[in-house]
Amino acid sequence: QKEVLLVKKSLSRILIFLLIGLIAFSSIGCGKKELTITAEEKEQGYRAYKDMGMKFKLSDVWKTYDDNLMLDGLGDEEDENSPIYTGRKYGFISNELITEYYDVAENVKDQEEQNKRFSEIFSQVKDIFSIVVFRKDKLPAEDKIAELTGMTHNEKISTIADYVFYFCKNDYDEAELSEEAEVGYKALFDDVENVKSSLTVYKPMTPQESIAGLKKIEFNLKDLEGNDVTHEVFKDKKLTMVNIWGTFCGPCIREMPDLTALHEELEDKGIGILGIISDTPNSENEDAARKIVADAKVTFTSIIPDDNMKNTLLSSISGVPTSFFVDSDGKVVGEVITGSRSKEEYLEIMLEVLESLK
């Protein structure tokens, strides 16, 4: 259910949904405490992912070439037979390939031909590094690791609970890159050891564990029209479904008419819906979000997250759409829903959660 709506400047995130190192041991953290990220670490470029159980630093060079980053989500958290539980891969996609991608998306109408051309484009992406979390009980033999990661160098970092962490990287390969592209690719490749040395790993948390651990949802933010929206909005309803969505996410967009209908039909039962747009703040994505909600005639409010929400609530999820429920005090209740559902399924879940509050 991970699909895309093309939005300029979000290619790295789009591609996650489209495709779906042991140096001195003391220098790689093996965290036992809850994964957190401080304001100072955020300023330094640290990223924290509770669902993957990892925190690492991306220096300014990764910001410089943000538009050329291709991120792939790895593994299948729901498939207990999959050796790879989760992970993230970083690759470099040249400006030439990006231009070709948008040209194909705009001008090639035949779906089969378009997919073929996309595959050809993605095959030319230069994979740089990945952090892979294996299921301990499904971990393959050491000489089979590379077959699963697709990387030349695969270094075991740590084992925590039922998970084994690997830092993986490829050899430098400038073949078929233009001089301009090679500059960016080399700058990123040269920083990989710094990423590895900054890495700290933790026990991965499911969205349910992570979001439930927040206990109460509090915020003071803006909606797409610039209006102030705070957690006080929950007081108006017995139950609110919080729907985290993205402008790049096809399933998120397709379910909006159903969510809008539920928002209107269940108002008299004291149930409401609040959206959070995961790929904002970003001016172009906000414009895209306004068009999406206008086209779908959405009547519930969607808010723009700040750094605090991104480092807490949004770092708790593995993809969008993700939905969860809060009571009138903003306390998290019920089960977290990952992926989209039919209107009938959402209705059944919402009424069950409402009943549980009595």
Protein backbone atom coordinates (compact mmCIF):
# COMPACT_ATOMS: atom_id res chain seq x y z
CA GLN A 1 0.00 0.00 0.00
CA LYS A 2 3.04 2.25 -0.24
CA GLU A 3 2.55 4.31 -3.38
CA VAL A 4 3.36 7.80 -4.55
CA LEU A 5 2.12 11.12 -5.77
CA LEU A 6 5.02 12.97 -7.35
CA VAL A 7 5.89 16.15 -5.50
CA LYS A 8 8.99 18.15 -6.46
CA LYS A 9 11.68 18.38 -3.75
CA SER A 10 10.42 15.22 -2.04
CA LEU A 11 12.03 12.65 -4.34
CA SER A 12 14.07 10.96 -1.62
CA ARG A 13 10.96 10.33 0.45
CA ILE A 14 8.87 9.46 -2.60
CA LEU A 15 11.24 6.70 -3.61
CA ILE A 16 10.89 4.96 -0.26
CA PHE A 17 7.25 4.33 -1.12
CA LEU A 18 7.80 3.77 -4.81
CA LEU A 19 10.07 0.75 -4.44
CA ILE A 20 8.81 -1.01 -2.08
CA GLY A 21 30.62 -1.63 10.51
CA LEU A 22 32.65 -2.56 13.23
CA ILE A 23 35.34 0.03 13.74
CA ALA A 24 36.56 0.27 17.34
CA PHE A 25 33.53 -1.17 19.14
CA SER A 26 33.47 1.53 21.79
CA SER A 27 32.84 4.16 19.12
CA ILE A 28 29.50 2.63 18.11
CA GLY A 29 26.82 3.01 20.73
CA CYS A 30 24.66 0.09 21.79
CA GLY A 31 21.92 1.90 23.63
CA LYS A 32 19.94 0.31 26.43
CA LYS A 33 17.77 3.32 27.27
CA GLU A 34 14.85 4.78 25.36
CA LEU A 35 15.81 6.35 22.06
CA THR A 36 15.73 10.13 22.38
CA ILE A 37 17.19 13.04 20.48
CA THR A 38 18.14 16.33 22.11
CA ALA A 39 17.75 19.80 20.62
CA GLU A 40 21.53 20.01 20.33
CA GLU A 41 21.70 16.68 18.48
CA LYS A 42 18.93 17.80 16.16
CA GLU A 43 20.92 20.92 15.35
CA GLN A 44 23.96 18.75 14.62
CA GLY A 45 22.02 16.68 12.11
CA TYR A 46 21.09 13.60 14.12
CA ARG A 47 18.14 11.47 12.97
CA ALA A 48 16.26 9.15 15.31
CA TYR A 49 14.03 6.28 14.21
CA LYS A 50 12.26 4.45 17.03
CA ASP A 51 10.72 1.85 14.74
CA MET A 52 14.19 0.86 13.50
CA GLY A 53 15.95 1.38 16.82
CA MET A 54 18.68 3.67 15.56
CA LYS A 55 20.07 7.16 15.85
CA PHE A 56 22.82 8.59 13.67
CA LYS A 57 24.20 11.88 12.40
CA LEU A 58 24.00 13.19 8.85
CA SER A 59 26.32 16.17 8.44
CA ASP A 60 25.55 19.24 6.34
CA VAL A 61 26.81 17.53 3.19
CA TRP A 62 23.70 15.32 3.24
CA LYS A 63 21.53 18.45 3.40
CA THR A 64 23.46 19.93 0.49
CA TYR A 65 22.59 16.95 -1.71
CA ASP A 66 19.17 16.24 -0.21
CA ASP A 67 17.49 16.30 -3.63
CA ASN A 68 19.92 13.61 -4.84
CA LEU A 69 19.27 11.19 -2.00
CA MET A 70 17.28 8.06 -2.67
CA LEU A 71 16.04 6.36 0.48
CA ASP A 72 14.73 2.82 0.49
CA GLY A 73 12.88 1.26 3.38
CA LEU A 74 14.11 -2.29 3.97
CA GLY A 75 12.55 -5.47 5.32
CA ASP A 76 9.03 -6.37 6.34
CA GLU A 77 8.15 -5.86 9.97
CA GLU A 78 4.97 -7.92 9.62
CA ASP A 79 6.53 -10.93 7.87
CA GLU A 80 8.03 -13.05 10.62
CA ASN A 81 9.76 -15.24 8.05
CA SER A 82 11.71 -12.36 6.53
CA PRO A 83 15.37 -12.29 7.70
CA ILE A 84 15.43 -8.49 7.48
CA TYR A 85 13.12 -6.90 10.04
CA THR A 86 13.66 -3.29 9.00
CA GLY A 87 16.31 -0.84 7.90
CA ARG A 88 17.14 2.07 5.65
CA LYS A 89 19.31 2.37 2.55
CA TYR A 90 20.81 5.60 1.22
CA GLY A 91 21.69 6.00 -2.43
CA PHE A 92 22.72 8.78 -4.82
CA ILE A 93 20.55 9.68 -7.80
CA SER A 94 22.02 12.19 -10.26
CA ASN A 95 20.25 15.30 -11.52
CA GLU A 96 20.28 13.72 -14.97
CA LEU A 97 18.35 10.71 -13.71
CA ILE A 98 15.92 12.91 -11.80
CA THR A 99 15.21 14.89 -14.96
CA GLU A 100 14.72 11.64 -16.87
CA TYR A 101 12.39 10.36 -14.16
CA TYR A 102 10.08 13.37 -14.37
CA ASP A 103 10.19 13.30 -18.16
CA VAL A 104 9.00 9.68 -18.14
CA ALA A 105 6.36 10.40 -15.51
CA GLU A 106 4.97 13.26 -17.57
CA ASN A 107 5.26 11.97 -21.11
CA VAL A 108 5.10 8.17 -21.06
CA LYS A 109 1.42 7.26 -20.67
CA ASP A 110 1.59 3.49 -21.11
CA GLN A 111 1.86 2.07 -17.59
CA GLU A 112 3.90 -0.98 -18.57
CA GLU A 113 6.40 1.10 -20.53
CA GLN A 114 6.54 3.69 -17.77
CA ASN A 115 7.36 1.05 -15.15
CA LYS A 116 10.04 -0.41 -17.42
CA ARG A 117 11.65 3.00 -17.87
CA PHE A 118 11.47 3.70 -14.13
CA SER A 119 13.23 0.40 -13.42
CA GLU A 120 15.99 1.34 -15.84
CA ILE A 121 16.43 4.68 -14.09
CA PHE A 122 16.52 3.19 -10.59
CA SER A 123 19.04 0.55 -11.67
CA GLN A 124 21.54 3.38 -12.20
CA VAL A 125 21.24 4.74 -8.67
CA LYS A 126 24.47 4.45 -6.68
CA ASP A 127 23.75 2.69 -3.39
CA ILE A 128 26.03 4.18 -0.72
CA PHE A 129 25.21 2.68 2.67
CA SER A 130 22.48 1.02 4.65
CA ILE A 131 21.70 0.14 8.25
CA VAL A 132 19.98 -3.24 8.36
CA VAL A 133 18.17 -4.84 11.29
CA PHE A 134 17.95 -8.64 11.04
CA ARG A 135 15.72 -10.94 13.01
CA LYS A 136 18.11 -12.84 15.25
CA ASP A 137 16.38 -16.18 14.76
CA LYS A 138 16.40 -15.73 10.96
CA LEU A 139 19.94 -14.35 10.61
CA PRO A 140 21.63 -16.02 7.63
CA ALA A 141 25.20 -17.29 7.54
CA GLU A 142 27.82 -14.55 7.33
CA ASP A 143 28.66 -15.35 3.71
CA LYS A 144 24.99 -14.88 2.76
CA ILE A 145 24.55 -11.43 4.30
CA ALA A 146 25.74 -9.57 1.20
CA GLU A 147 23.15 -11.34 -0.95
CA LEU A 148 20.40 -9.84 1.21
CA THR A 149 21.84 -6.35 1.70
CA GLY A 150 23.22 -5.88 -1.82
CA MET A 151 26.24 -4.20 -0.28
CA THR A 152 29.92 -5.09 -0.62
CA HIS A 153 30.95 -4.51 3.00
CA ASN A 154 28.67 -5.71 5.82
CA GLU A 155 29.76 -5.19 9.40
CA LYS A 156 27.93 -6.47 12.44
CA ILE A 157 27.38 -3.75 15.01
CA SER A 158 25.44 -5.28 17.85
CA THR A 159 22.77 -7.70 18.98
CA ILE A 160 19.96 -6.27 21.09
CA ALA A 161 17.11 -8.48 22.23
CA ASP A 162 15.86 -10.35 19.15
CA TYR A 163 17.60 -8.10 16.62
CA VAL A 164 21.04 -8.00 14.98
CA PHE A 165 22.26 -4.70 13.53
CA TYR A 166 24.55 -4.40 10.51
CA PHE A 167 26.17 -1.35 8.93
CA CYS A 168 26.61 -1.95 5.22
CA LYS A 169 28.34 0.04 2.49
CA ASN A 170 29.43 -0.31 -1.11
CA ASP A 171 32.77 0.36 -2.75
CA TYR A 172 33.27 3.71 -4.44
CA ASP A 173 31.99 3.53 -8.02
CA GLU A 174 31.95 6.65 -10.16
CA ALA A 175 31.19 4.77 -13.39
CA GLU A 176 28.70 6.48 -15.73
CA LEU A 177 28.49 9.61 -13.58
CA SER A 178 28.95 13.06 -15.06
CA GLU A 179 31.64 15.30 -13.55
CA GLU A 180 28.93 17.28 -11.73
CA ALA A 181 27.27 14.16 -10.36
CA GLU A 182 30.57 12.65 -9.24
CA VAL A 183 31.25 15.67 -7.02
CA GLY A 184 28.06 15.10 -5.04
CA TYR A 185 28.40 11.33 -4.96
CA LYS A 186 31.99 11.49 -3.68
CA ALA A 187 31.11 14.07 -1.02
CA LEU A 188 28.44 11.75 0.37
CA PHE A 189 30.57 8.62 0.05
CA ASP A 190 33.44 10.25 1.93
CA ASP A 191 31.18 10.98 4.90
CA VAL A 192 29.92 7.42 5.40
CA GLU A 193 32.49 6.57 8.08
CA ASN A 194 31.32 9.61 10.05
CA VAL A 195 27.74 8.35 9.85
CA LYS A 196 28.85 4.95 11.13
CA SER A 197 30.84 6.37 14.03
CA SER A 198 27.81 8.43 15.13
CA LEU A 199 25.44 5.45 15.13
CA THR A 200 23.72 4.30 18.31
CA VAL A 201 21.32 1.36 18.24
CA TYR A 202 18.41 0.45 20.48
CA LYS A 203 15.70 -2.16 20.63
CA PRO A 204 13.26 -1.32 17.81
CA MET A 205 9.82 -0.24 18.95
CA THR A 206 6.59 -0.94 17.13
CA PRO A 207 4.38 2.09 16.39
CA GLN A 208 1.99 0.76 19.04
CA GLU A 209 4.70 0.66 21.70
CA SER A 210 6.13 4.01 20.71
CA ILE A 211 2.92 6.01 20.31
CA ALA A 212 1.30 4.47 23.40
CA GLY A 213 4.45 5.43 25.29
CA LEU A 214 3.76 9.10 24.55
CA LYS A 215 0.66 8.80 26.78
CA LYS A 216 -0.70 12.28 25.92
CA ILE A 217 -0.53 14.25 22.69
CA GLU A 218 0.13 17.95 23.20
CA PHE A 219 0.98 20.61 20.60
CA ASN A 220 0.57 24.23 19.54
CA LEU A 221 0.73 24.33 15.75
CA LYS A 222 -0.77 25.79 12.56
CA ASP A 223 -3.13 24.31 10.01
CA LEU A 224 -2.78 24.75 6.24
CA GLU A 225 -4.53 28.12 6.39
CA GLY A 226 -2.25 29.46 9.12
CA ASN A 227 -4.79 29.10 11.92
CA ASP A 228 -3.62 28.16 15.40
CA VAL A 229 -4.51 24.61 16.44
CA THR A 230 -3.63 23.18 19.85
CA HIS A 231 -4.31 19.93 21.69
CA GLU A 232 -7.30 21.69 23.21
CA VAL A 233 -9.14 20.66 20.04
CA PHE A 234 -9.46 17.18 21.54
CA LYS A 235 -11.72 18.51 24.29
CA ASP A 236 -14.51 19.03 21.77
CA LYS A 237 -14.78 15.29 21.06
CA LYS A 238 -15.12 12.11 23.08
CA LEU A 239 -12.71 10.47 20.64
CA THR A 240 -10.43 11.79 17.92
CA MET A 241 -8.72 9.73 15.25
CA VAL A 242 -5.32 11.24 14.41
CA ASN A 243 -4.44 10.42 10.81
CA ILE A 244 -0.80 10.91 9.81
CA TRP A 245 -0.52 11.28 6.04
CA GLY A 246 1.83 12.57 3.37
CA THR A 247 1.47 14.37 0.07
CA PHE A 248 3.55 11.60 -1.58
CA CYS A 249 1.29 8.78 -0.37
CA GLY A 250 -1.32 7.43 -2.79
CA PRO A 251 -3.23 5.36 -0.20
CA CYS A 252 -3.39 8.39 2.12
CA ILE A 253 -4.98 10.49 -0.59
CA ARG A 254 -7.38 7.82 -1.79
CA GLU A 255 -8.83 7.27 1.68
CA MET A 256 -9.49 10.97 2.33
CA PRO A 257 -13.06 11.00 0.96
CA ASP A 258 -13.90 8.07 3.27
CA LEU A 259 -12.31 9.81 6.24
CA THR A 260 -14.19 13.00 5.45
CA ALA A 261 -17.47 11.10 5.29
CA LEU A 262 -16.73 9.44 8.64
CA HIS A 263 -15.78 12.79 10.16
CA GLU A 264 -19.16 14.21 9.15
CA GLU A 265 -21.28 11.13 9.88
CA LEU A 266 -19.83 10.50 13.36
CA GLU A 267 -19.87 14.08 14.58
CA ASP A 268 -23.09 13.50 16.53
CA LYS A 269 -21.43 10.56 18.33
CA GLY A 270 -18.61 12.78 19.52
CA ILE A 271 -15.97 11.37 17.15
CA GLY A 272 -13.67 13.59 15.11
CA ILE A 273 -10.60 13.33 12.88
CA LEU A 274 -7.39 15.39 12.91
CA GLY A 275 -4.77 15.09 10.17
CA ILE A 276 -1.01 15.57 10.47
CA ILE A 277 0.92 16.15 7.23
CA SER A 278 4.15 14.22 7.68
CA ASP A 279 6.20 15.86 4.91
CA THR A 280 5.69 19.44 6.09
CA PRO A 281 6.75 22.10 6.94
CA ASN A 282 7.78 22.62 3.32
CA SER A 283 6.23 25.32 1.15
CA GLU A 284 5.85 23.17 -1.97
CA ASN A 285 4.44 20.23 -0.02
CA GLU A 286 2.04 22.55 1.78
CA ASP A 287 0.81 23.79 -1.60
CA ALA A 288 0.39 20.17 -2.67
CA ALA A 289 -1.48 19.39 0.56
CA ARG A 290 -3.89 22.30 0.01
CA LYS A 291 -4.69 20.99 -3.46
CA ILE A 292 -5.15 17.44 -2.16
CA VAL A 293 -7.59 18.42 0.58
CA ALA A 294 -9.45 20.77 -1.79
CA ASP A 295 -9.82 18.10 -4.49
CA ALA A 296 -11.04 15.56 -1.92
CA LYS A 297 -13.35 18.12 -0.28
CA VAL A 298 -11.81 17.31 3.11
CA THR A 299 -13.62 18.94 6.02
CA PHE A 300 -11.40 17.86 8.90
CA THR A 301 -8.34 19.89 9.90
CA SER A 302 -4.78 18.91 9.02
CA ILE A 303 -1.87 20.44 10.92
CA ILE A 304 1.77 21.13 10.11
CA PRO A 305 4.18 19.45 12.57
CA ASP A 306 7.13 21.18 14.22
CA ASP A 307 10.51 19.70 15.18
CA ASN A 308 9.20 18.54 18.53
CA MET A 309 6.39 16.54 16.93
CA LYS A 310 8.75 15.16 14.29
CA ASN A 311 11.21 14.00 16.94
CA THR A 312 8.54 12.36 19.09
CA LEU A 313 5.31 11.32 17.42
CA LEU A 314 6.49 11.16 13.79
CA SER A 315 9.69 9.32 14.68
CA SER A 316 7.45 6.62 16.15
CA ILE A 317 5.91 5.52 12.85
CA SER A 318 7.30 3.37 10.04
CA GLY A 319 5.18 4.77 7.21
CA VAL A 320 1.99 6.54 6.24
CA PRO A 321 -0.90 6.43 6.55
CA THR A 322 -0.71 5.70 10.27
CA SER A 323 -3.70 6.42 12.51
CA PHE A 324 -4.27 6.29 16.25
CA PHE A 325 -6.85 7.52 18.75
CA VAL A 326 -6.94 9.95 21.66
CA ASP A 327 -9.65 10.74 24.18
CA SER A 328 -10.87 14.21 25.14
CA ASP A 329 -7.77 14.76 27.29
CA GLY A 330 -5.38 13.84 24.48
CA LYS A 331 -4.55 10.49 26.07
CA VAL A 332 -3.64 7.77 23.57
CA VAL A 333 -6.22 4.95 23.56
CA GLY A 334 -6.85 1.85 21.45
CA GLU A 335 -4.64 0.29 18.80
CA VAL A 336 -2.43 2.03 16.27
CA ILE A 337 -3.49 1.42 12.66
CA THR A 338 -0.72 1.18 10.07
CA GLY A 339 -1.73 1.39 6.43
CA SER A 340 -5.10 2.34 4.97
CA ARG A 341 -8.47 0.72 5.68
CA SER A 342 -11.89 0.72 4.08
CA LYS A 343 -14.56 3.07 5.38
CA GLU A 344 -16.40 0.13 6.95
CA GLU A 345 -13.26 -1.11 8.70
CA TYR A 346 -12.47 2.35 10.08
CA LEU A 347 -16.06 2.73 11.28
CA GLU A 348 -15.97 -0.57 13.15
CA ILE A 349 -12.65 0.27 14.79
CA MET A 350 -13.72 3.78 15.80
CA LEU A 351 -16.97 2.63 17.38
CA GLU A 352 -15.14 -0.13 19.27
CA VAL A 353 -12.62 2.34 20.68
CA LEU A 354 -15.42 4.75 21.63
CA GLU A 355 -17.23 1.93 23.43
CA SER A 356 -14.06 1.08 25.36
CA LEU A 357 -14.03 4.57 26.87
CA LYS A 358 -17.33 4.06 28.67
